[in-house]
Amino acid sequence: MSIDDSSNPLARKQPLGGRTGVAIVAIVPLLALAAFLLIGLLAGGWGWAWVFFLAIPISAIIVYGVGGRKGS
């Protein structure tokens, strides 16, 4: 019995969401920086504001998958 590559999410060739997913991964660092500065400056929450930077790798993992970018 063979496993079909289309049913395996780790074997996909394109990023999740296509061009939209790639755009989201490109925008998330800017949003994380803005949220970091806003929470830090306005609420004085510098100790916890760094948590927004975790959104950067999380969004990349969701869009590109756990295996990362492999080839073109």
PDB file of N, CA and C in Angstrom:
ATOM      1  N   MET A   1       0.852  -1.165   0.000  1.00  0.00           N
ATOM      2  CA  MET A   1       0.000   0.000   0.000  1.00  0.00           C
ATOM      3  C   MET A   1       0.903   1.235   0.000  1.00  0.00           C
ATOM      4  N   SER A   2       0.713   2.132  -0.952  1.00  0.00           N
ATOM      5  CA  SER A   2       1.539   3.336  -1.029  1.00  0.00           C
ATOM      6  C   SER A   2       0.765   4.539  -0.510  1.00  0.00           C
ATOM      7  N   ILE A   3       1.508   5.459   0.041  1.00  0.00           N
ATOM      8  CA  ILE A   3       0.904   6.677   0.574  1.00  0.00           C
ATOM      9  C   ILE A   3       0.955   7.751  -0.499  1.00  0.00           C
ATOM     10  N   ASP A   4      -0.178   8.353  -0.770  1.00  0.00           N
ATOM     11  CA  ASP A   4      -0.268   9.410  -1.765  1.00  0.00           C
ATOM     12  C   ASP A   4       0.364  10.689  -1.212  1.00  0.00           C
ATOM     13  N   ASP A   5       1.247  11.331  -1.979  1.00  0.00           N
ATOM     14  CA  ASP A   5       1.926  12.544  -1.525  1.00  0.00           C
ATOM     15  C   ASP A   5       0.966  13.702  -1.301  1.00  0.00           C
ATOM     16  N   SER A   6      -0.161  13.721  -2.001  1.00  0.00           N
ATOM     17  CA  SER A   6      -1.103  14.829  -1.837  1.00  0.00           C
ATOM     18  C   SER A   6      -1.821  14.776  -0.490  1.00  0.00           C
ATOM     19  N   SER A   7      -1.852  13.611   0.137  1.00  0.00           N
ATOM     20  CA  SER A   7      -2.510  13.507   1.438  1.00  0.00           C
ATOM     21  C   SER A   7      -1.561  13.823   2.590  1.00  0.00           C
ATOM     22  N   ASN A   8      -0.272  13.923   2.317  1.00  0.00           N
ATOM     23  CA  ASN A   8       0.713  14.219   3.340  1.00  0.00           C
ATOM     24  C   ASN A   8       1.001  15.728   3.343  1.00  0.00           C
ATOM     25  N   PRO A   9       0.633  16.458   4.412  1.00  0.00           N
ATOM     26  CA  PRO A   9       0.870  17.901   4.424  1.00  0.00           C
ATOM     27  C   PRO A   9       2.348  18.271   4.461  1.00  0.00           C
ATOM     28  N   LEU A  10       3.216  17.380   4.903  1.00  0.00           N
ATOM     29  CA  LEU A  10       4.645  17.676   4.938  1.00  0.00           C
ATOM     30  C   LEU A  10       5.305  17.522   3.578  1.00  0.00           C
ATOM     31  N   ALA A  11       4.600  16.918   2.614  1.00  0.00           N
ATOM     32  CA  ALA A  11       5.159  16.700   1.295  1.00  0.00           C
ATOM     33  C   ALA A  11       4.673  17.726   0.272  1.00  0.00           C
ATOM     34  N   ARG A  12       3.966  18.751   0.720  1.00  0.00           N
ATOM     35  CA  ARG A  12       3.441  19.723  -0.238  1.00  0.00           C
ATOM     36  C   ARG A  12       4.574  20.544  -0.835  1.00  0.00           C
ATOM     37  N   LYS A  13       4.392  20.940  -2.079  1.00  0.00           N
ATOM     38  CA  LYS A  13       5.417  21.672  -2.817  1.00  0.00           C
ATOM     39  C   LYS A  13       5.250  23.186  -2.672  1.00  0.00           C
ATOM     40  N   GLN A  14       4.032  23.649  -2.505  1.00  0.00           N
ATOM     41  CA  GLN A  14       3.736  25.076  -2.423  1.00  0.00           C
ATOM     42  C   GLN A  14       3.469  25.483  -0.980  1.00  0.00           C
ATOM     43  N   PRO A  15       3.762  26.735  -0.628  1.00  0.00           N
ATOM     44  CA  PRO A  15       3.427  27.207   0.718  1.00  0.00           C
ATOM     45  C   PRO A  15       1.911  27.205   0.933  1.00  0.00           C
ATOM     46  N   LEU A  16       1.504  27.006   2.168  1.00  0.00           N
ATOM     47  CA  LEU A  16       0.087  27.016   2.510  1.00  0.00           C
ATOM     48  C   LEU A  16      -0.470  28.410   2.240  1.00  0.00           C
ATOM     49  N   GLY A  17      -1.523  28.502   1.488  1.00  0.00           N
ATOM     50  CA  GLY A  17      -2.113  29.789   1.159  1.00  0.00           C
ATOM     51  C   GLY A  17      -1.514  30.423  -0.081  1.00  0.00           C
ATOM     52  N   GLY A  18      -0.517  29.812  -0.675  1.00  0.00           N
ATOM     53  CA  GLY A  18       0.095  30.339  -1.892  1.00  0.00           C
ATOM     54  C   GLY A  18       0.751  31.693  -1.652  1.00  0.00           C
ATOM     55  N   ARG A  19       0.472  32.632  -2.547  1.00  0.00           N
ATOM     56  CA  ARG A  19       1.070  33.964  -2.441  1.00  0.00           C
ATOM     57  C   ARG A  19       0.576  34.717  -1.213  1.00  0.00           C
ATOM     58  N   THR A  20      -0.652  34.442  -0.798  1.00  0.00           N
ATOM     59  CA  THR A  20      -1.185  35.095   0.400  1.00  0.00           C
ATOM     60  C   THR A  20      -0.424  34.645   1.633  1.00  0.00           C
ATOM     61  N   GLY A  21      -0.117  33.372   1.728  1.00  0.00           N
ATOM     62  CA  GLY A  21       0.649  32.857   2.851  1.00  0.00           C
ATOM     63  C   GLY A  21       2.040  33.451   2.910  1.00  0.00           C
ATOM     64  N   VAL A  22       2.675  33.603   1.753  1.00  0.00           N
ATOM     65  CA  VAL A  22       4.002  34.204   1.697  1.00  0.00           C
ATOM     66  C   VAL A  22       3.929  35.666   2.133  1.00  0.00           C
ATOM     67  N   ALA A  23       2.889  36.369   1.711  1.00  0.00           N
ATOM     68  CA  ALA A  23       2.716  37.769   2.114  1.00  0.00           C
ATOM     69  C   ALA A  23       2.503  37.882   3.622  1.00  0.00           C
ATOM     70  N   ILE A  24       1.754  36.963   4.184  1.00  0.00           N
ATOM     71  CA  ILE A  24       1.526  36.985   5.637  1.00  0.00           C
ATOM     72  C   ILE A  24       2.839  36.798   6.382  1.00  0.00           C
ATOM     73  N   VAL A  25       3.669  35.864   5.926  1.00  0.00           N
ATOM     74  CA  VAL A  25       4.958  35.636   6.577  1.00  0.00           C
ATOM     75  C   VAL A  25       5.841  36.878   6.453  1.00  0.00           C
ATOM     76  N   ALA A  26       5.701  37.624   5.377  1.00  0.00           N
ATOM     77  CA  ALA A  26       6.498  38.835   5.203  1.00  0.00           C
ATOM     78  C   ALA A  26       6.008  39.985   6.079  1.00  0.00           C
ATOM     79  N   ILE A  27       4.726  40.033   6.376  1.00  0.00           N
ATOM     80  CA  ILE A  27       4.141  41.135   7.141  1.00  0.00           C
ATOM     81  C   ILE A  27       4.208  40.900   8.645  1.00  0.00           C
ATOM     82  N   VAL A  28       4.196  39.665   9.079  1.00  0.00           N
ATOM     83  CA  VAL A  28       4.163  39.343  10.514  1.00  0.00           C
ATOM     84  C   VAL A  28       5.314  39.981  11.298  1.00  0.00           C
ATOM     85  N   PRO A  29       6.558  40.028  10.796  1.00  0.00           N
ATOM     86  CA  PRO A  29       7.600  40.698  11.585  1.00  0.00           C
ATOM     87  C   PRO A  29       7.304  42.176  11.850  1.00  0.00           C
ATOM     88  N   LEU A  30       6.727  42.859  10.885  1.00  0.00           N
ATOM     89  CA  LEU A  30       6.372  44.269  11.082  1.00  0.00           C
ATOM     90  C   LEU A  30       5.265  44.417  12.120  1.00  0.00           C
ATOM     91  N   LEU A  31       4.286  43.525  12.061  1.00  0.00           N
ATOM     92  CA  LEU A  31       3.205  43.561  13.042  1.00  0.00           C
ATOM     93  C   LEU A  31       3.716  43.214  14.437  1.00  0.00           C
ATOM     94  N   ALA A  32       4.635  42.267  14.521  1.00  0.00           N
ATOM     95  CA  ALA A  32       5.200  41.895  15.819  1.00  0.00           C
ATOM     96  C   ALA A  32       5.986  43.058  16.417  1.00  0.00           C
ATOM     97  N   LEU A  33       6.745  43.755  15.597  1.00  0.00           N
ATOM     98  CA  LEU A  33       7.503  44.908  16.070  1.00  0.00           C
ATOM     99  C   LEU A  33       6.570  46.021  16.542  1.00  0.00           C
ATOM    100  N   ALA A  34       5.514  46.282  15.767  1.00  0.00           N
ATOM    101  CA  ALA A  34       4.544  47.311  16.147  1.00  0.00           C
ATOM    102  C   ALA A  34       3.857  46.954  17.469  1.00  0.00           C
ATOM    103  N   ALA A  35       3.457  45.698  17.617  1.00  0.00           N
ATOM    104  CA  ALA A  35       2.800  45.270  18.860  1.00  0.00           C
ATOM    105  C   ALA A  35       3.769  45.351  20.034  1.00  0.00           C
ATOM    106  N   PHE A  36       5.028  44.978  19.816  1.00  0.00           N
ATOM    107  CA  PHE A  36       6.048  45.059  20.858  1.00  0.00           C
ATOM    108  C   PHE A  36       6.214  46.498  21.349  1.00  0.00           C
ATOM    109  N   LEU A  37       6.336  47.412  20.408  1.00  0.00           N
ATOM    110  CA  LEU A  37       6.529  48.811  20.785  1.00  0.00           C
ATOM    111  C   LEU A  37       5.285  49.408  21.427  1.00  0.00           C
ATOM    112  N   LEU A  38       4.108  49.085  20.890  1.00  0.00           N
ATOM    113  CA  LEU A  38       2.874  49.628  21.457  1.00  0.00           C
ATOM    114  C   LEU A  38       2.646  49.147  22.887  1.00  0.00           C
ATOM    115  N   ILE A  39       2.782  47.861  23.101  1.00  0.00           N
ATOM    116  CA  ILE A  39       2.563  47.326  24.444  1.00  0.00           C
ATOM    117  C   ILE A  39       3.656  47.826  25.398  1.00  0.00           C
ATOM    118  N   GLY A  40       4.878  47.888  24.912  1.00  0.00           N
ATOM    119  CA  GLY A  40       5.972  48.348  25.755  1.00  0.00           C
ATOM    120  C   GLY A  40       5.850  49.813  26.126  1.00  0.00           C
ATOM    121  N   LEU A  41       5.533  50.655  25.153  1.00  0.00           N
ATOM    122  CA  LEU A  41       5.464  52.093  25.409  1.00  0.00           C
ATOM    123  C   LEU A  41       4.171  52.514  26.097  1.00  0.00           C
ATOM    124  N   LEU A  42       3.049  52.027  25.618  1.00  0.00           N
ATOM    125  CA  LEU A  42       1.762  52.489  26.134  1.00  0.00           C
ATOM    126  C   LEU A  42       1.376  51.823  27.449  1.00  0.00           C
ATOM    127  N   ALA A  43       1.683  50.558  27.583  1.00  0.00           N
ATOM    128  CA  ALA A  43       1.261  49.835  28.785  1.00  0.00           C
ATOM    129  C   ALA A  43       2.416  49.551  29.740  1.00  0.00           C
ATOM    130  N   GLY A  44       3.632  49.894  29.330  1.00  0.00           N
ATOM    131  CA  GLY A  44       4.777  49.606  30.180  1.00  0.00           C
ATOM    132  C   GLY A  44       5.043  48.123  30.336  1.00  0.00           C
ATOM    133  N   GLY A  45       4.607  47.339  29.368  1.00  0.00           N
ATOM    134  CA  GLY A  45       4.730  45.881  29.459  1.00  0.00           C
ATOM    135  C   GLY A  45       5.936  45.331  28.748  1.00  0.00           C
ATOM    136  N   TRP A  46       7.101  45.951  28.930  1.00  0.00           N
ATOM    137  CA  TRP A  46       8.303  45.487  28.245  1.00  0.00           C
ATOM    138  C   TRP A  46       8.658  44.052  28.619  1.00  0.00           C
ATOM    139  N   GLY A  47       8.370  43.659  29.833  1.00  0.00           N
ATOM    140  CA  GLY A  47       8.708  42.308  30.270  1.00  0.00           C
ATOM    141  C   GLY A  47       7.959  41.221  29.518  1.00  0.00           C
ATOM    142  N   TRP A  48       6.768  41.525  29.053  1.00  0.00           N
ATOM    143  CA  TRP A  48       5.953  40.539  28.346  1.00  0.00           C
ATOM    144  C   TRP A  48       5.800  40.838  26.857  1.00  0.00           C
ATOM    145  N   ALA A  49       6.200  42.003  26.422  1.00  0.00           N
ATOM    146  CA  ALA A  49       5.982  42.397  25.029  1.00  0.00           C
ATOM    147  C   ALA A  49       6.790  41.557  24.043  1.00  0.00           C
ATOM    148  N   TRP A  50       7.886  40.960  24.497  1.00  0.00           N
ATOM    149  CA  TRP A  50       8.708  40.140  23.606  1.00  0.00           C
ATOM    150  C   TRP A  50       7.945  38.944  23.055  1.00  0.00           C
ATOM    151  N   VAL A  51       6.876  38.557  23.702  1.00  0.00           N
ATOM    152  CA  VAL A  51       6.105  37.380  23.291  1.00  0.00           C
ATOM    153  C   VAL A  51       5.573  37.540  21.861  1.00  0.00           C
ATOM    154  N   PHE A  52       5.343  38.771  21.433  1.00  0.00           N
ATOM    155  CA  PHE A  52       4.841  38.993  20.074  1.00  0.00           C
ATOM    156  C   PHE A  52       5.828  38.518  19.014  1.00  0.00           C
ATOM    157  N   PHE A  53       7.105  38.487  19.343  1.00  0.00           N
ATOM    158  CA  PHE A  53       8.095  38.029  18.373  1.00  0.00           C
ATOM    159  C   PHE A  53       7.999  36.525  18.118  1.00  0.00           C
ATOM    160  N   LEU A  54       7.317  35.799  18.972  1.00  0.00           N
ATOM    161  CA  LEU A  54       7.099  34.369  18.725  1.00  0.00           C
ATOM    162  C   LEU A  54       6.170  34.138  17.535  1.00  0.00           C
ATOM    163  N   ALA A  55       5.417  35.156  17.156  1.00  0.00           N
ATOM    164  CA  ALA A  55       4.525  35.029  16.005  1.00  0.00           C
ATOM    165  C   ALA A  55       5.300  34.852  14.704  1.00  0.00           C
ATOM    166  N   ILE A  56       6.541  35.325  14.662  1.00  0.00           N
ATOM    167  CA  ILE A  56       7.326  35.229  13.422  1.00  0.00           C
ATOM    168  C   ILE A  56       7.624  33.773  13.061  1.00  0.00           C
ATOM    169  N   PRO A  57       8.251  32.986  13.932  1.00  0.00           N
ATOM    170  CA  PRO A  57       8.486  31.589  13.541  1.00  0.00           C
ATOM    171  C   PRO A  57       7.212  30.758  13.479  1.00  0.00           C
ATOM    172  N   ILE A  58       6.227  31.107  14.303  1.00  0.00           N
ATOM    173  CA  ILE A  58       4.972  30.346  14.277  1.00  0.00           C
ATOM    174  C   ILE A  58       4.285  30.512  12.927  1.00  0.00           C
ATOM    175  N   SER A  59       4.252  31.733  12.394  1.00  0.00           N
ATOM    176  CA  SER A  59       3.613  31.946  11.091  1.00  0.00           C
ATOM    177  C   SER A  59       4.382  31.229   9.986  1.00  0.00           C
ATOM    178  N   ALA A  60       5.708  31.234  10.065  1.00  0.00           N
ATOM    179  CA  ALA A  60       6.507  30.539   9.050  1.00  0.00           C
ATOM    180  C   ALA A  60       6.296  29.030   9.117  1.00  0.00           C
ATOM    181  N   ILE A  61       6.185  28.490  10.325  1.00  0.00           N
ATOM    182  CA  ILE A  61       5.935  27.055  10.463  1.00  0.00           C
ATOM    183  C   ILE A  61       4.581  26.686   9.886  1.00  0.00           C
ATOM    184  N   ILE A  62       3.578  27.528  10.112  1.00  0.00           N
ATOM    185  CA  ILE A  62       2.247  27.241   9.581  1.00  0.00           C
ATOM    186  C   ILE A  62       2.234  27.307   8.068  1.00  0.00           C
ATOM    187  N   VAL A  63       2.867  28.317   7.493  1.00  0.00           N
ATOM    188  CA  VAL A  63       2.811  28.500   6.040  1.00  0.00           C
ATOM    189  C   VAL A  63       3.710  27.530   5.303  1.00  0.00           C
ATOM    190  N   TYR A  64       4.952  27.378   5.774  1.00  0.00           N
ATOM    191  CA  TYR A  64       5.918  26.541   5.045  1.00  0.00           C
ATOM    192  C   TYR A  64       5.963  25.113   5.534  1.00  0.00           C
ATOM    193  N   GLY A  65       5.397  24.828   6.681  1.00  0.00           N
ATOM    194  CA  GLY A  65       5.400  23.475   7.201  1.00  0.00           C
ATOM    195  C   GLY A  65       6.593  23.238   8.099  1.00  0.00           C
ATOM    196  N   VAL A  66       6.537  22.159   8.841  1.00  0.00           N
ATOM    197  CA  VAL A  66       7.570  21.825   9.807  1.00  0.00           C
ATOM    198  C   VAL A  66       8.897  21.548   9.113  1.00  0.00           C
ATOM    199  N   GLY A  67       8.866  20.988   7.917  1.00  0.00           N
ATOM    200  CA  GLY A  67      10.087  20.643   7.203  1.00  0.00           C
ATOM    201  C   GLY A  67      10.814  21.823   6.619  1.00  0.00           C
ATOM    202  N   GLY A  68      10.190  23.000   6.583  1.00  0.00           N
ATOM    203  CA  GLY A  68      10.812  24.183   6.009  1.00  0.00           C
ATOM    204  C   GLY A  68      10.761  24.170   4.503  1.00  0.00           C
ATOM    205  N   ARG A  69      11.434  25.135   3.900  1.00  0.00           N
ATOM    206  CA  ARG A  69      11.477  25.230   2.435  1.00  0.00           C
ATOM    207  C   ARG A  69      12.494  24.241   1.894  1.00  0.00           C
ATOM    208  N   LYS A  70      12.041  23.407   0.994  1.00  0.00           N
ATOM    209  CA  LYS A  70      12.935  22.440   0.369  1.00  0.00           C
ATOM    210  C   LYS A  70      12.875  22.622  -1.133  1.00  0.00           C
ATOM    211  N   GLY A  71      13.936  23.121  -1.709  1.00  0.00           N
ATOM    212  CA  GLY A  71      13.975  23.296  -3.151  1.00  0.00           C
ATOM    213  C   GLY A  71      13.030  24.380  -3.608  1.00  0.00           C
ATOM    214  N   SER A  72      12.796  24.400  -4.912  1.00  0.00           N
ATOM    215  CA  SER A  72      11.888  25.404  -5.470  1.00  0.00           C
ATOM    216  C   SER A  72      10.644  24.764  -6.018  1.00  0.00           C
TER     217      SER A  72
END
